[in-house]
Amino acid sequence: MALDDRDIRILAVLSREGRISKTALAQRVNLSTTPCAERLKRLEESGLIRAYRAEIALAAVAPHVTVFVTVELESHRAETFQIFERAITARDEIVACWALGGGFDYLMQIVTVDIDAYQRLIDGLLAAHIGLKRYFTYIVTKDVKAGAPPLSRLLGGDTSA
């Protein structure tokens, strides 16, 4: 799908402010409401906008721990990757997972109530024989930065809105 400067600006604004009203979005990207809504619908239908989410202040809601885990699989057969990926997508505590090139096969982001819950999750994955050979745990001690991707730099457009 070809994107013009206004599409890029819409995506940039929504990546930072998902709950912005259509009227406010139209004003931010210098369009009238109807054309902006039509562009938004097209971006959603094309799959470029996959979801709208709220960024929750977890510390204010419940005790939790965020853990990043690097994973090495026992083999690099397609079947092993498929088994592993099916297993981890079934676990709600694994909130993100990326396949990597380089020294490790995957990087997972896990959010659990505490370290004991994290270890039970890992023990369950090991017991499930899903091809997990080795893993390394990195516990998050402080949130420093989280945000939207830099669309203006990635796409070369002016998305200052």
N, C-alpha and C. Protein backbone atom coordinates (compact mmCIF):
# COMPACT_ATOMS: atom_id res chain seq x y z
N MET A 1 0.85 -1.18 0.00
CA MET A 1 0.00 0.00 0.00
C MET A 1 0.89 1.24 0.00
N ALA A 2 0.65 2.13 -0.91
CA ALA A 2 1.41 3.37 -0.98
C ALA A 2 0.89 4.37 0.04
N LEU A 3 1.81 4.97 0.78
CA LEU A 3 1.45 5.95 1.80
C LEU A 3 1.93 7.32 1.38
N ASP A 4 1.06 8.31 1.55
CA ASP A 4 1.50 9.68 1.31
C ASP A 4 1.79 10.35 2.66
N ASP A 5 2.19 11.63 2.60
CA ASP A 5 2.58 12.34 3.82
C ASP A 5 1.46 12.38 4.86
N ARG A 6 0.22 12.54 4.40
CA ARG A 6 -0.90 12.60 5.35
C ARG A 6 -1.13 11.26 6.02
N ASP A 7 -1.01 10.15 5.26
CA ASP A 7 -1.14 8.82 5.86
C ASP A 7 -0.08 8.61 6.94
N ILE A 8 1.13 9.04 6.63
CA ILE A 8 2.23 8.90 7.59
C ILE A 8 1.95 9.72 8.83
N ARG A 9 1.43 10.93 8.66
CA ARG A 9 1.11 11.78 9.81
C ARG A 9 0.00 11.16 10.65
N ILE A 10 -1.01 10.58 10.00
CA ILE A 10 -2.10 9.91 10.73
C ILE A 10 -1.52 8.77 11.56
N LEU A 11 -0.68 7.95 10.95
CA LEU A 11 -0.09 6.82 11.67
C LEU A 11 0.78 7.30 12.83
N ALA A 12 1.54 8.36 12.61
CA ALA A 12 2.41 8.88 13.67
C ALA A 12 1.59 9.39 14.85
N VAL A 13 0.53 10.14 14.58
CA VAL A 13 -0.31 10.66 15.66
C VAL A 13 -0.97 9.51 16.41
N LEU A 14 -1.53 8.54 15.68
CA LEU A 14 -2.21 7.41 16.33
C LEU A 14 -1.26 6.54 17.13
N SER A 15 -0.01 6.42 16.69
CA SER A 15 0.94 5.59 17.43
C SER A 15 1.28 6.20 18.79
N ARG A 16 1.08 7.51 18.92
CA ARG A 16 1.32 8.18 20.20
C ARG A 16 0.03 8.42 20.98
N GLU A 17 -1.07 8.62 20.27
CA GLU A 17 -2.34 9.02 20.90
C GLU A 17 -3.49 8.21 20.31
N GLY A 18 -3.57 6.94 20.63
CA GLY A 18 -4.56 6.05 20.03
C GLY A 18 -6.00 6.44 20.26
N ARG A 19 -6.29 7.17 21.33
CA ARG A 19 -7.68 7.52 21.65
C ARG A 19 -8.08 8.90 21.14
N ILE A 20 -7.28 9.51 20.34
CA ILE A 20 -7.61 10.83 19.81
C ILE A 20 -8.90 10.73 18.99
N SER A 21 -9.75 11.73 19.10
CA SER A 21 -11.00 11.72 18.34
C SER A 21 -10.70 11.92 16.85
N LYS A 22 -11.63 11.49 16.03
CA LYS A 22 -11.43 11.66 14.58
C LYS A 22 -11.35 13.14 14.21
N THR A 23 -12.12 13.96 14.89
CA THR A 23 -12.09 15.40 14.62
C THR A 23 -10.72 15.99 14.99
N ALA A 24 -10.22 15.62 16.17
CA ALA A 24 -8.90 16.12 16.59
C ALA A 24 -7.80 15.59 15.69
N LEU A 25 -7.92 14.33 15.28
CA LEU A 25 -6.93 13.75 14.36
C LEU A 25 -6.93 14.52 13.05
N ALA A 26 -8.11 14.80 12.53
CA ALA A 26 -8.21 15.54 11.27
C ALA A 26 -7.54 16.91 11.39
N GLN A 27 -7.76 17.58 12.52
CA GLN A 27 -7.12 18.88 12.72
C GLN A 27 -5.61 18.75 12.77
N ARG A 28 -5.12 17.70 13.45
CA ARG A 28 -3.67 17.51 13.61
C ARG A 28 -2.97 17.25 12.29
N VAL A 29 -3.68 16.62 11.33
CA VAL A 29 -3.05 16.29 10.05
C VAL A 29 -3.54 17.22 8.92
N ASN A 30 -4.26 18.28 9.32
CA ASN A 30 -4.70 19.32 8.38
C ASN A 30 -5.61 18.77 7.28
N LEU A 31 -6.62 18.01 7.71
CA LEU A 31 -7.65 17.50 6.80
C LEU A 31 -9.02 17.79 7.41
N SER A 32 -10.05 17.78 6.59
CA SER A 32 -11.40 17.84 7.15
C SER A 32 -11.74 16.45 7.69
N THR A 33 -12.76 16.36 8.52
CA THR A 33 -13.07 15.13 9.25
C THR A 33 -13.40 13.96 8.33
N THR A 34 -14.22 14.14 7.32
CA THR A 34 -14.63 13.02 6.46
C THR A 34 -13.46 12.41 5.69
N PRO A 35 -12.64 13.20 4.99
CA PRO A 35 -11.49 12.59 4.31
C PRO A 35 -10.52 11.91 5.28
N CYS A 36 -10.35 12.49 6.46
CA CYS A 36 -9.46 11.88 7.45
C CYS A 36 -10.03 10.54 7.91
N ALA A 37 -11.34 10.49 8.16
CA ALA A 37 -11.99 9.24 8.57
C ALA A 37 -11.88 8.18 7.48
N GLU A 38 -11.99 8.59 6.22
CA GLU A 38 -11.86 7.65 5.11
C GLU A 38 -10.44 7.09 5.04
N ARG A 39 -9.45 7.94 5.22
CA ARG A 39 -8.06 7.48 5.25
C ARG A 39 -7.83 6.52 6.41
N LEU A 40 -8.37 6.86 7.57
CA LEU A 40 -8.23 6.02 8.75
C LEU A 40 -8.83 4.64 8.50
N LYS A 41 -10.01 4.61 7.92
CA LYS A 41 -10.67 3.33 7.61
C LYS A 41 -9.82 2.52 6.63
N ARG A 42 -9.25 3.18 5.63
CA ARG A 42 -8.40 2.49 4.65
C ARG A 42 -7.14 1.93 5.32
N LEU A 43 -6.55 2.69 6.23
CA LEU A 43 -5.36 2.21 6.94
C LEU A 43 -5.70 1.02 7.83
N GLU A 44 -6.86 1.04 8.47
CA GLU A 44 -7.30 -0.09 9.29
C GLU A 44 -7.57 -1.33 8.44
N GLU A 45 -8.31 -1.14 7.35
CA GLU A 45 -8.67 -2.27 6.50
C GLU A 45 -7.46 -2.89 5.80
N SER A 46 -6.43 -2.09 5.55
CA SER A 46 -5.23 -2.61 4.90
C SER A 46 -4.36 -3.41 5.87
N GLY A 47 -4.64 -3.30 7.16
CA GLY A 47 -3.85 -4.00 8.16
C GLY A 47 -2.67 -3.20 8.69
N LEU A 48 -2.49 -1.96 8.21
CA LEU A 48 -1.40 -1.13 8.73
C LEU A 48 -1.65 -0.73 10.17
N ILE A 49 -2.90 -0.54 10.54
CA ILE A 49 -3.25 -0.32 11.94
C ILE A 49 -3.82 -1.65 12.42
N ARG A 50 -3.07 -2.31 13.29
CA ARG A 50 -3.46 -3.65 13.75
C ARG A 50 -4.37 -3.62 14.96
N ALA A 51 -4.22 -2.63 15.85
CA ALA A 51 -5.02 -2.60 17.08
C ALA A 51 -4.89 -1.25 17.75
N TYR A 52 -5.80 -1.00 18.67
CA TYR A 52 -5.72 0.17 19.54
C TYR A 52 -5.62 -0.38 20.95
N ARG A 53 -4.69 0.17 21.74
CA ARG A 53 -4.48 -0.32 23.10
C ARG A 53 -4.27 0.86 24.04
N ALA A 54 -4.52 0.58 25.31
CA ALA A 54 -4.19 1.55 26.35
C ALA A 54 -2.87 1.12 26.99
N GLU A 55 -2.04 2.08 27.30
CA GLU A 55 -0.80 1.80 28.03
C GLU A 55 -1.12 1.88 29.52
N ILE A 56 -1.13 0.75 30.18
CA ILE A 56 -1.56 0.64 31.57
C ILE A 56 -0.38 0.87 32.51
N ALA A 57 -0.59 1.65 33.56
CA ALA A 57 0.42 1.84 34.60
C ALA A 57 0.33 0.63 35.54
N LEU A 58 1.01 -0.45 35.17
CA LEU A 58 0.89 -1.72 35.91
C LEU A 58 1.22 -1.58 37.38
N ALA A 59 2.20 -0.77 37.72
CA ALA A 59 2.59 -0.62 39.12
C ALA A 59 1.43 -0.06 39.96
N ALA A 60 0.55 0.70 39.35
CA ALA A 60 -0.60 1.25 40.07
C ALA A 60 -1.75 0.25 40.15
N VAL A 61 -1.70 -0.79 39.34
CA VAL A 61 -2.78 -1.77 39.29
C VAL A 61 -2.50 -2.99 40.15
N ALA A 62 -1.31 -3.54 40.02
CA ALA A 62 -1.00 -4.78 40.73
C ALA A 62 0.51 -4.97 40.82
N PRO A 63 0.97 -5.68 41.82
CA PRO A 63 2.39 -6.02 41.86
C PRO A 63 2.74 -6.88 40.65
N HIS A 64 3.90 -6.67 40.11
CA HIS A 64 4.31 -7.44 38.93
C HIS A 64 5.82 -7.36 38.76
N VAL A 65 6.33 -8.21 37.90
CA VAL A 65 7.72 -8.17 37.50
C VAL A 65 7.75 -8.37 35.98
N THR A 66 8.59 -7.59 35.32
CA THR A 66 8.80 -7.74 33.88
C THR A 66 10.17 -8.36 33.68
N VAL A 67 10.21 -9.39 32.85
CA VAL A 67 11.43 -10.14 32.63
C VAL A 67 11.64 -10.28 31.12
N PHE A 68 12.86 -10.05 30.68
CA PHE A 68 13.23 -10.37 29.30
C PHE A 68 14.04 -11.65 29.35
N VAL A 69 13.78 -12.53 28.39
CA VAL A 69 14.43 -13.83 28.37
C VAL A 69 14.96 -14.09 26.97
N THR A 70 16.24 -14.38 26.87
CA THR A 70 16.80 -14.83 25.61
C THR A 70 16.72 -16.35 25.59
N VAL A 71 16.39 -16.90 24.43
CA VAL A 71 16.12 -18.33 24.31
C VAL A 71 16.96 -18.92 23.19
N GLU A 72 17.54 -20.08 23.48
CA GLU A 72 18.23 -20.87 22.47
C GLU A 72 17.49 -22.20 22.36
N LEU A 73 17.18 -22.60 21.14
CA LEU A 73 16.47 -23.86 20.93
C LEU A 73 17.45 -25.02 20.73
N GLU A 74 16.95 -26.23 20.96
CA GLU A 74 17.78 -27.43 20.84
C GLU A 74 18.23 -27.68 19.40
N SER A 75 17.35 -27.37 18.45
CA SER A 75 17.72 -27.55 17.04
C SER A 75 17.13 -26.41 16.23
N HIS A 76 17.57 -26.31 14.99
CA HIS A 76 17.09 -25.25 14.13
C HIS A 76 16.27 -25.81 12.97
N ARG A 77 15.56 -26.87 13.25
CA ARG A 77 14.62 -27.42 12.27
C ARG A 77 13.33 -26.60 12.30
N ALA A 78 12.68 -26.49 11.18
CA ALA A 78 11.44 -25.72 11.10
C ALA A 78 10.41 -26.23 12.10
N GLU A 79 10.34 -27.52 12.29
CA GLU A 79 9.38 -28.11 13.22
C GLU A 79 9.64 -27.64 14.66
N THR A 80 10.89 -27.52 15.05
CA THR A 80 11.23 -27.07 16.40
C THR A 80 10.77 -25.63 16.61
N PHE A 81 11.00 -24.77 15.62
CA PHE A 81 10.55 -23.38 15.72
C PHE A 81 9.03 -23.33 15.83
N GLN A 82 8.34 -24.11 15.03
CA GLN A 82 6.87 -24.12 15.04
C GLN A 82 6.32 -24.59 16.39
N ILE A 83 6.89 -25.65 16.94
CA ILE A 83 6.45 -26.17 18.24
C ILE A 83 6.66 -25.11 19.33
N PHE A 84 7.83 -24.50 19.33
CA PHE A 84 8.13 -23.47 20.33
C PHE A 84 7.16 -22.30 20.21
N GLU A 85 6.98 -21.80 19.01
CA GLU A 85 6.12 -20.64 18.79
C GLU A 85 4.67 -20.92 19.17
N ARG A 86 4.16 -22.10 18.85
CA ARG A 86 2.80 -22.46 19.26
C ARG A 86 2.68 -22.48 20.79
N ALA A 87 3.67 -23.02 21.45
CA ALA A 87 3.63 -23.13 22.91
C ALA A 87 3.66 -21.76 23.58
N ILE A 88 4.49 -20.87 23.11
CA ILE A 88 4.61 -19.59 23.80
C ILE A 88 3.44 -18.65 23.48
N THR A 89 2.84 -18.79 22.31
CA THR A 89 1.68 -17.94 22.00
C THR A 89 0.48 -18.31 22.85
N ALA A 90 0.48 -19.48 23.44
CA ALA A 90 -0.63 -19.91 24.29
C ALA A 90 -0.52 -19.38 25.71
N ARG A 91 0.57 -18.72 26.05
CA ARG A 91 0.79 -18.25 27.42
C ARG A 91 0.60 -16.74 27.51
N ASP A 92 -0.40 -16.31 28.27
CA ASP A 92 -0.70 -14.87 28.41
C ASP A 92 0.43 -14.09 29.05
N GLU A 93 1.22 -14.74 29.92
CA GLU A 93 2.29 -14.03 30.60
C GLU A 93 3.40 -13.61 29.65
N ILE A 94 3.50 -14.30 28.53
CA ILE A 94 4.49 -13.94 27.51
C ILE A 94 3.82 -12.89 26.63
N VAL A 95 4.13 -11.62 26.90
CA VAL A 95 3.42 -10.53 26.26
C VAL A 95 4.03 -10.14 24.91
N ALA A 96 5.27 -10.55 24.66
CA ALA A 96 5.91 -10.27 23.38
C ALA A 96 7.00 -11.30 23.16
N CYS A 97 7.24 -11.61 21.90
CA CYS A 97 8.31 -12.54 21.55
C CYS A 97 8.79 -12.19 20.15
N TRP A 98 10.10 -12.14 20.01
CA TRP A 98 10.71 -11.81 18.73
C TRP A 98 11.68 -12.91 18.34
N ALA A 99 11.64 -13.35 17.09
CA ALA A 99 12.66 -14.25 16.55
C ALA A 99 13.87 -13.39 16.22
N LEU A 100 15.07 -13.90 16.55
CA LEU A 100 16.29 -13.12 16.38
C LEU A 100 17.25 -13.78 15.41
N GLY A 101 18.06 -12.97 14.78
CA GLY A 101 19.21 -13.47 14.05
C GLY A 101 20.42 -13.20 14.91
N GLY A 102 21.35 -14.12 14.97
CA GLY A 102 22.52 -13.90 15.81
C GLY A 102 22.67 -15.01 16.83
N GLY A 103 23.11 -14.66 18.01
CA GLY A 103 23.45 -15.64 19.04
C GLY A 103 22.29 -16.38 19.66
N PHE A 104 21.13 -15.76 19.76
CA PHE A 104 19.98 -16.40 20.36
C PHE A 104 18.88 -16.53 19.33
N ASP A 105 17.95 -17.45 19.60
CA ASP A 105 16.86 -17.68 18.65
C ASP A 105 15.68 -16.75 18.89
N TYR A 106 15.39 -16.44 20.17
CA TYR A 106 14.22 -15.62 20.50
C TYR A 106 14.54 -14.70 21.67
N LEU A 107 13.80 -13.61 21.73
CA LEU A 107 13.76 -12.73 22.88
C LEU A 107 12.31 -12.62 23.30
N MET A 108 12.03 -12.97 24.57
CA MET A 108 10.67 -12.91 25.07
C MET A 108 10.56 -11.84 26.14
N GLN A 109 9.41 -11.18 26.19
CA GLN A 109 9.08 -10.27 27.28
C GLN A 109 7.96 -10.93 28.07
N ILE A 110 8.18 -11.08 29.35
CA ILE A 110 7.24 -11.79 30.22
C ILE A 110 6.85 -10.88 31.38
N VAL A 111 5.56 -10.85 31.69
CA VAL A 111 5.08 -10.10 32.85
C VAL A 111 4.32 -11.07 33.75
N THR A 112 4.81 -11.21 34.99
CA THR A 112 4.16 -12.08 35.98
C THR A 112 4.03 -11.34 37.30
N VAL A 113 3.33 -11.96 38.22
CA VAL A 113 3.08 -11.33 39.51
C VAL A 113 4.34 -11.23 40.36
N ASP A 114 5.25 -12.19 40.19
CA ASP A 114 6.51 -12.16 40.94
C ASP A 114 7.51 -13.13 40.31
N ILE A 115 8.71 -13.18 40.87
CA ILE A 115 9.76 -14.05 40.31
C ILE A 115 9.38 -15.52 40.43
N ASP A 116 8.72 -15.89 41.52
CA ASP A 116 8.29 -17.29 41.66
C ASP A 116 7.35 -17.69 40.53
N ALA A 117 6.42 -16.83 40.18
CA ALA A 117 5.50 -17.12 39.08
C ALA A 117 6.26 -17.22 37.76
N TYR A 118 7.25 -16.35 37.58
CA TYR A 118 8.09 -16.42 36.39
C TYR A 118 8.80 -17.78 36.33
N GLN A 119 9.39 -18.20 37.45
CA GLN A 119 10.13 -19.46 37.45
C GLN A 119 9.20 -20.64 37.20
N ARG A 120 7.99 -20.60 37.73
CA ARG A 120 7.02 -21.67 37.44
C ARG A 120 6.69 -21.71 35.96
N LEU A 121 6.56 -20.55 35.33
CA LEU A 121 6.31 -20.50 33.89
C LEU A 121 7.45 -21.15 33.12
N ILE A 122 8.68 -20.77 33.45
CA ILE A 122 9.86 -21.34 32.78
C ILE A 122 9.94 -22.85 33.02
N ASP A 123 9.72 -23.28 34.27
CA ASP A 123 9.75 -24.71 34.57
C ASP A 123 8.71 -25.46 33.75
N GLY A 124 7.54 -24.87 33.58
CA GLY A 124 6.49 -25.48 32.77
C GLY A 124 6.89 -25.58 31.30
N LEU A 125 7.54 -24.53 30.80
CA LEU A 125 8.00 -24.57 29.40
C LEU A 125 9.07 -25.64 29.22
N LEU A 126 9.98 -25.76 30.18
CA LEU A 126 11.02 -26.78 30.10
C LEU A 126 10.41 -28.19 30.16
N ALA A 127 9.44 -28.37 31.03
CA ALA A 127 8.79 -29.68 31.18
C ALA A 127 7.95 -30.04 29.96
N ALA A 128 7.52 -29.05 29.21
CA ALA A 128 6.66 -29.30 28.05
C ALA A 128 7.44 -29.83 26.84
N HIS A 129 8.76 -29.85 26.91
CA HIS A 129 9.60 -30.36 25.82
C HIS A 129 9.27 -29.68 24.48
N ILE A 130 9.39 -28.36 24.50
CA ILE A 130 9.08 -27.57 23.29
C ILE A 130 10.34 -27.14 22.56
N GLY A 131 11.46 -27.77 22.87
CA GLY A 131 12.70 -27.48 22.18
C GLY A 131 13.56 -26.44 22.85
N LEU A 132 13.20 -26.01 24.04
CA LEU A 132 13.95 -25.01 24.77
C LEU A 132 15.23 -25.63 25.33
N LYS A 133 16.38 -25.18 24.80
CA LYS A 133 17.67 -25.73 25.22
C LYS A 133 18.26 -24.93 26.38
N ARG A 134 18.29 -23.61 26.21
CA ARG A 134 18.93 -22.75 27.20
C ARG A 134 18.24 -21.39 27.18
N TYR A 135 18.19 -20.77 28.35
CA TYR A 135 17.59 -19.44 28.44
C TYR A 135 18.38 -18.59 29.44
N PHE A 136 18.33 -17.29 29.23
CA PHE A 136 18.96 -16.33 30.13
C PHE A 136 17.92 -15.29 30.52
N THR A 137 17.86 -15.00 31.81
CA THR A 137 16.83 -14.13 32.39
C THR A 137 17.41 -12.75 32.69
N TYR A 138 16.66 -11.72 32.31
CA TYR A 138 17.04 -10.33 32.60
C TYR A 138 15.83 -9.65 33.23
N ILE A 139 15.93 -9.30 34.50
CA ILE A 139 14.82 -8.72 35.25
C ILE A 139 14.85 -7.20 35.09
N VAL A 140 13.72 -6.63 34.72
CA VAL A 140 13.61 -5.18 34.59
C VAL A 140 13.53 -4.57 35.98
N THR A 141 14.41 -3.62 36.27
CA THR A 141 14.41 -2.96 37.57
C THR A 141 13.76 -1.58 37.52
N LYS A 142 13.67 -0.99 36.32
CA LYS A 142 13.08 0.34 36.20
C LYS A 142 12.70 0.59 34.75
N ASP A 143 11.50 1.14 34.54
CA ASP A 143 11.12 1.59 33.20
C ASP A 143 11.84 2.89 32.92
N VAL A 144 12.55 2.94 31.82
CA VAL A 144 13.27 4.15 31.45
C VAL A 144 12.59 4.84 30.27
N LYS A 145 12.24 4.07 29.26
CA LYS A 145 11.60 4.66 28.08
C LYS A 145 10.79 3.60 27.36
N ALA A 146 9.62 3.98 26.95
CA ALA A 146 8.78 3.16 26.08
C ALA A 146 7.99 4.14 25.22
N GLY A 147 7.84 3.82 23.99
CA GLY A 147 7.11 4.77 23.16
C GLY A 147 6.79 4.21 21.79
N ALA A 148 6.27 5.09 20.98
CA ALA A 148 5.89 4.75 19.62
C ALA A 148 7.13 4.70 18.73
N PRO A 149 7.07 3.92 17.65
CA PRO A 149 8.21 3.90 16.73
C PRO A 149 8.38 5.26 16.05
N PRO A 150 9.61 5.59 15.65
CA PRO A 150 9.87 6.90 15.03
C PRO A 150 9.48 6.89 13.55
N LEU A 151 8.18 6.93 13.29
CA LEU A 151 7.71 6.82 11.90
C LEU A 151 8.33 7.84 10.97
N SER A 152 8.50 9.07 11.44
CA SER A 152 9.06 10.09 10.55
C SER A 152 10.45 9.71 10.08
N ARG A 153 11.26 9.11 10.95
CA ARG A 153 12.60 8.70 10.56
C ARG A 153 12.56 7.43 9.70
N LEU A 154 11.63 6.53 10.03
CA LEU A 154 11.57 5.27 9.27
C LEU A 154 11.06 5.49 7.85
N LEU A 155 10.13 6.42 7.70
CA LEU A 155 9.50 6.62 6.39
C LEU A 155 10.00 7.87 5.66
N GLY A 156 10.81 8.65 6.35
CA GLY A 156 11.37 9.84 5.71
C GLY A 156 10.38 10.96 5.51
N GLY A 157 9.19 10.87 6.11
CA GLY A 157 8.19 11.93 5.96
C GLY A 157 8.22 12.89 7.12
N ASP A 158 7.60 14.05 6.94
CA ASP A 158 7.50 15.02 8.02
C ASP A 158 6.23 14.71 8.80
N THR A 159 6.38 14.09 9.98
CA THR A 159 5.20 13.72 10.76
C THR A 159 5.09 14.55 12.03
N SER A 160 5.71 15.70 12.05
CA SER A 160 5.58 16.54 13.24
C SER A 160 4.15 17.02 13.33
N ALA A 161 3.45 16.48 14.33
CA ALA A 161 2.03 16.83 14.47
C ALA A 161 1.72 17.15 15.90
